[in-house]
Structure formats: structure tokens, C-alpha cells
């Protein structure tokens, strides 16, 4: 079992200006600690490889520190099919919010999509990355 950190830096101004119907289309860059390089890392469709029992940890940061941004929830296939277990938000002693979950031990090998709900300047936006569950 591994802990996989997913960092989400966001250019809030670009993300808000280019969003279509509240869906972020640019200005959001996801990077994970799997060492798995693909064309989607730091791009617009991260596909994080993971195994059942792995812990995922998401942290979001505005590129401009004066901007206000946070993850407010998760929906989609990973939630509906209970791929994400014990999904919850926590705050560090330094006041940094992060979300964490455990990949369901019963998850089958396949790619699953999920939706991040993000608040920027007190407005809701969404983004739809993937996890790619790989059974050992």
C-alpha cells in the first residue's frame, strides 16, 4: 500500500475566465507522486495509477497566493461505485486543507473518473480527472 499525493496548482484567473458552464478547461495542473509520466500529468486530464489499498491525498493551491480556492467535495464514478473509501477533508496544523481516501480493496482493474468540486472566489467549479486501478 502506497500513499499517492496529488498536488493541484491552479491559475484561478485563467481557470475562471476559460471555464465552460462551471467546468474548468484550463489553468488547472494536476501532478501526482507515482512517477508515472504521461501526457496528462500537469495537463488537463491526470490519470493517476493506483492499487487497491493505496491512500490518495489531494491538496489544492492557488498559483497567486492572494486567490481563494478549496476543494469542496467529490462526485462521480469513484464515489458512486465506492472506489474511494473513507473520503474526507482534513486540515493540517498550519491550516492547509487536504482530502484523503483509500482505494477500495475490491476495486477491479480499470480506469475510473471522478469529479472534483472546487470553490474559487466563492463560486463552484468542477474538474474530471481519473484514477487507473491496477490489481497486483
C-alpha atoms as a PDB file:
ATOM      1  CA  UNK A   1       0.000   0.000   0.000  1.00  0.00           C
ATOM      2  CA  UNK A   2       1.330   3.373  -1.050  1.00  0.00           C
ATOM      3  CA  UNK A   3       0.414   6.959  -0.296  1.00  0.00           C
ATOM      4  CA  UNK A   4      -0.054   8.927  -3.508  1.00  0.00           C
ATOM      5  CA  UNK A   5      -0.036  12.697  -3.198  1.00  0.00           C
ATOM      6  CA  UNK A   6      -1.881  14.693  -5.844  1.00  0.00           C
ATOM      7  CA  UNK A   7      -0.987  18.378  -5.970  1.00  0.00           C
ATOM      8  CA  UNK A   8      -3.312  20.739  -7.806  1.00  0.00           C
ATOM      9  CA  UNK A   9      -1.859  24.189  -8.558  1.00  0.00           C
ATOM     10  CA  UNK A  10      -4.456  26.492 -10.119  1.00  0.00           C
ATOM     11  CA  UNK A  11      -4.171  29.770 -12.001  1.00  0.00           C
ATOM     12  CA  UNK A  12      -7.514  30.976 -10.645  1.00  0.00           C
ATOM     13  CA  UNK A  13      -7.903  33.874 -13.068  1.00  0.00           C
ATOM     14  CA  UNK A  14      -7.334  31.657 -16.125  1.00  0.00           C
ATOM     15  CA  UNK A  15      -9.454  28.808 -14.748  1.00  0.00           C
ATOM     16  CA  UNK A  16     -12.404  31.114 -14.098  1.00  0.00           C
ATOM     17  CA  UNK A  17     -12.082  33.028 -17.379  1.00  0.00           C
ATOM     18  CA  UNK A  18     -11.977  29.884 -19.528  1.00  0.00           C
ATOM     19  CA  UNK A  19     -14.447  27.688 -17.631  1.00  0.00           C
ATOM     20  CA  UNK A  20     -17.432  26.479 -19.635  1.00  0.00           C
ATOM     21  CA  UNK A  21     -20.662  26.056 -17.677  1.00  0.00           C
ATOM     22  CA  UNK A  22     -18.652  25.838 -14.460  1.00  0.00           C
ATOM     23  CA  UNK A  23     -16.271  23.150 -15.807  1.00  0.00           C
ATOM     24  CA  UNK A  24     -12.588  24.073 -15.701  1.00  0.00           C
ATOM     25  CA  UNK A  25     -10.928  23.745 -19.125  1.00  0.00           C
ATOM     26  CA  UNK A  26      -7.509  25.324 -18.471  1.00  0.00           C
ATOM     27  CA  UNK A  27      -5.419  26.872 -15.730  1.00  0.00           C
ATOM     28  CA  UNK A  28      -5.514  23.746 -13.538  1.00  0.00           C
ATOM     29  CA  UNK A  29      -2.424  21.499 -13.383  1.00  0.00           C
ATOM     30  CA  UNK A  30      -2.533  18.126 -11.592  1.00  0.00           C
ATOM     31  CA  UNK A  31       0.655  16.317 -10.621  1.00  0.00           C
ATOM     32  CA  UNK A  32       0.972  13.086  -8.638  1.00  0.00           C
ATOM     33  CA  UNK A  33       3.825  11.282  -6.908  1.00  0.00           C
ATOM     34  CA  UNK A  34       3.546   7.994  -8.785  1.00  0.00           C
ATOM     35  CA  UNK A  35       6.478   8.724 -11.054  1.00  0.00           C
ATOM     36  CA  UNK A  36       4.222   7.687 -13.912  1.00  0.00           C
ATOM     37  CA  UNK A  37       4.776  10.239 -16.635  1.00  0.00           C
ATOM     38  CA  UNK A  38       2.104  10.567 -19.245  1.00  0.00           C
ATOM     39  CA  UNK A  39       0.902  13.362 -21.459  1.00  0.00           C
ATOM     40  CA  UNK A  40      -1.823  14.237 -18.954  1.00  0.00           C
ATOM     41  CA  UNK A  41       0.398  14.955 -15.949  1.00  0.00           C
ATOM     42  CA  UNK A  42       0.495  18.699 -15.286  1.00  0.00           C
ATOM     43  CA  UNK A  43      -2.100  18.955 -18.032  1.00  0.00           C
ATOM     44  CA  UNK A  44      -5.839  18.820 -18.220  1.00  0.00           C
ATOM     45  CA  UNK A  45      -6.567  15.092 -17.627  1.00  0.00           C
ATOM     46  CA  UNK A  46      -4.467  13.394 -14.967  1.00  0.00           C
ATOM     47  CA  UNK A  47      -4.852   9.604 -14.828  1.00  0.00           C
ATOM     48  CA  UNK A  48      -3.333   8.502 -11.508  1.00  0.00           C
ATOM     49  CA  UNK A  49      -2.238   4.852 -11.382  1.00  0.00           C
ATOM     50  CA  UNK A  50      -3.016   3.188  -8.050  1.00  0.00           C
ATOM     51  CA  UNK A  51      -3.698  -0.175  -6.437  1.00  0.00           C
ATOM     52  CA  UNK A  52      -6.401  -1.343  -4.034  1.00  0.00           C
ATOM     53  CA  UNK A  53      -5.484  -0.223  -0.522  1.00  0.00           C
ATOM     54  CA  UNK A  54      -3.479   2.811  -1.681  1.00  0.00           C
ATOM     55  CA  UNK A  55      -4.143   6.128   0.053  1.00  0.00           C
ATOM     56  CA  UNK A  56      -4.761   9.172  -2.164  1.00  0.00           C
ATOM     57  CA  UNK A  57      -4.147  12.678  -0.805  1.00  0.00           C
ATOM     58  CA  UNK A  58      -5.285  15.787  -2.741  1.00  0.00           C
ATOM     59  CA  UNK A  59      -4.015  19.283  -1.969  1.00  0.00           C
ATOM     60  CA  UNK A  60      -5.002  22.359  -3.990  1.00  0.00           C
ATOM     61  CA  UNK A  61      -3.077  25.635  -4.143  1.00  0.00           C
ATOM     62  CA  UNK A  62      -3.658  28.909  -5.980  1.00  0.00           C
ATOM     63  CA  UNK A  63      -0.640  29.986  -8.034  1.00  0.00           C
ATOM     64  CA  UNK A  64      -1.367  33.549  -6.874  1.00  0.00           C
ATOM     65  CA  UNK A  65      -1.364  33.299  -3.043  1.00  0.00           C
ATOM     66  CA  UNK A  66      -3.934  36.119  -2.812  1.00  0.00           C
ATOM     67  CA  UNK A  67      -6.577  33.960  -4.554  1.00  0.00           C
ATOM     68  CA  UNK A  68      -9.080  31.915  -2.563  1.00  0.00           C
ATOM     69  CA  UNK A  69      -9.505  28.264  -3.589  1.00  0.00           C
ATOM     70  CA  UNK A  70     -10.543  24.992  -1.962  1.00  0.00           C
ATOM     71  CA  UNK A  71     -11.801  21.511  -2.775  1.00  0.00           C
ATOM     72  CA  UNK A  72     -15.373  21.262  -1.513  1.00  0.00           C
ATOM     73  CA  UNK A  73     -16.213  17.690  -2.478  1.00  0.00           C
ATOM     74  CA  UNK A  74     -16.078  14.724  -4.830  1.00  0.00           C
ATOM     75  CA  UNK A  75     -18.719  13.072  -7.003  1.00  0.00           C
ATOM     76  CA  UNK A  76     -18.792  10.750  -9.982  1.00  0.00           C
ATOM     77  CA  UNK A  77     -17.931   7.158 -10.735  1.00  0.00           C
ATOM     78  CA  UNK A  78     -15.336   6.746  -7.939  1.00  0.00           C
ATOM     79  CA  UNK A  79     -17.859   7.885  -5.350  1.00  0.00           C
ATOM     80  CA  UNK A  80     -20.916   6.161  -6.871  1.00  0.00           C
ATOM     81  CA  UNK A  81     -19.105   2.814  -7.191  1.00  0.00           C
ATOM     82  CA  UNK A  82     -17.399   3.226  -3.785  1.00  0.00           C
ATOM     83  CA  UNK A  83     -13.884   3.095  -5.266  1.00  0.00           C
ATOM     84  CA  UNK A  84     -12.987   5.911  -2.846  1.00  0.00           C
ATOM     85  CA  UNK A  85     -13.403   4.654   0.734  1.00  0.00           C
ATOM     86  CA  UNK A  86     -13.296   6.894   3.817  1.00  0.00           C
ATOM     87  CA  UNK A  87     -13.183  10.049   1.668  1.00  0.00           C
ATOM     88  CA  UNK A  88     -12.882  13.105   3.886  1.00  0.00           C
ATOM     89  CA  UNK A  89     -11.351  16.535   4.316  1.00  0.00           C
ATOM     90  CA  UNK A  90      -8.729  17.359   6.945  1.00  0.00           C
ATOM     91  CA  UNK A  91      -6.767  20.478   7.826  1.00  0.00           C
ATOM     92  CA  UNK A  92      -3.122  20.494   8.928  1.00  0.00           C
ATOM     93  CA  UNK A  93      -1.946  22.396  11.995  1.00  0.00           C
ATOM     94  CA  UNK A  94      -0.670  25.053   9.562  1.00  0.00           C
ATOM     95  CA  UNK A  95      -4.210  25.485   8.190  1.00  0.00           C
ATOM     96  CA  UNK A  96      -3.729  23.686   4.846  1.00  0.00           C
ATOM     97  CA  UNK A  97      -6.806  21.729   3.768  1.00  0.00           C
ATOM     98  CA  UNK A  98      -6.401  18.359   2.069  1.00  0.00           C
ATOM     99  CA  UNK A  99      -8.674  15.459   1.133  1.00  0.00           C
ATOM    100  CA  UNK A 100      -7.837  11.805   1.501  1.00  0.00           C
ATOM    101  CA  UNK A 101      -9.298   8.379   0.727  1.00  0.00           C
ATOM    102  CA  UNK A 102      -8.352   4.724   0.448  1.00  0.00           C
ATOM    103  CA  UNK A 103      -8.846   2.822  -2.812  1.00  0.00           C
ATOM    104  CA  UNK A 104     -11.398   0.059  -2.220  1.00  0.00           C
ATOM    105  CA  UNK A 105      -9.755  -3.371  -1.833  1.00  0.00           C
ATOM    106  CA  UNK A 106     -12.495  -4.831  -4.054  1.00  0.00           C
ATOM    107  CA  UNK A 107     -11.914  -2.406  -6.950  1.00  0.00           C
ATOM    108  CA  UNK A 108     -11.354  -4.079 -10.314  1.00  0.00           C
ATOM    109  CA  UNK A 109      -8.529  -3.125 -12.676  1.00  0.00           C
ATOM    110  CA  UNK A 110      -9.823  -0.292 -14.830  1.00  0.00           C
ATOM    111  CA  UNK A 111      -9.885   3.467 -15.228  1.00  0.00           C
ATOM    112  CA  UNK A 112     -12.455   5.355 -13.128  1.00  0.00           C
ATOM    113  CA  UNK A 113     -13.431   9.010 -13.478  1.00  0.00           C
ATOM    114  CA  UNK A 114     -14.255  11.317 -10.613  1.00  0.00           C
ATOM    115  CA  UNK A 115     -15.283  14.942 -10.297  1.00  0.00           C
ATOM    116  CA  UNK A 116     -13.571  17.422  -8.013  1.00  0.00           C
ATOM    117  CA  UNK A 117     -15.835  20.242  -6.879  1.00  0.00           C
ATOM    118  CA  UNK A 118     -13.731  23.345  -6.360  1.00  0.00           C
ATOM    119  CA  UNK A 119     -14.635  26.717  -4.875  1.00  0.00           C
ATOM    120  CA  UNK A 120     -12.840  29.698  -6.425  1.00  0.00           C
ATOM    121  CA  UNK A 121     -13.793  33.173  -5.240  1.00  0.00           C
ATOM    122  CA  UNK A 122     -16.820  31.551  -3.556  1.00  0.00           C
ATOM    123  CA  UNK A 123     -18.118  30.144  -6.878  1.00  0.00           C
ATOM    124  CA  UNK A 124     -18.373  26.403  -7.623  1.00  0.00           C
ATOM    125  CA  UNK A 125     -16.408  24.801 -10.460  1.00  0.00           C
ATOM    126  CA  UNK A 126     -15.687  21.212 -11.389  1.00  0.00           C
ATOM    127  CA  UNK A 127     -12.933  19.143 -12.931  1.00  0.00           C
ATOM    128  CA  UNK A 128     -12.925  15.479 -14.032  1.00  0.00           C
ATOM    129  CA  UNK A 129      -9.638  13.521 -13.687  1.00  0.00           C
ATOM    130  CA  UNK A 130      -9.195   9.723 -13.457  1.00  0.00           C
ATOM    131  CA  UNK A 131      -7.673   7.009 -11.306  1.00  0.00           C
ATOM    132  CA  UNK A 132      -6.391   3.868 -13.020  1.00  0.00           C
ATOM    133  CA  UNK A 133      -6.744   0.964 -10.576  1.00  0.00           C
ATOM    134  CA  UNK A 134      -4.221  -1.787 -11.207  1.00  0.00           C
ATOM    135  CA  UNK A 135      -4.552  -5.013  -9.264  1.00  0.00           C
ATOM    136  CA  UNK A 136      -1.247  -6.672  -8.388  1.00  0.00           C
END
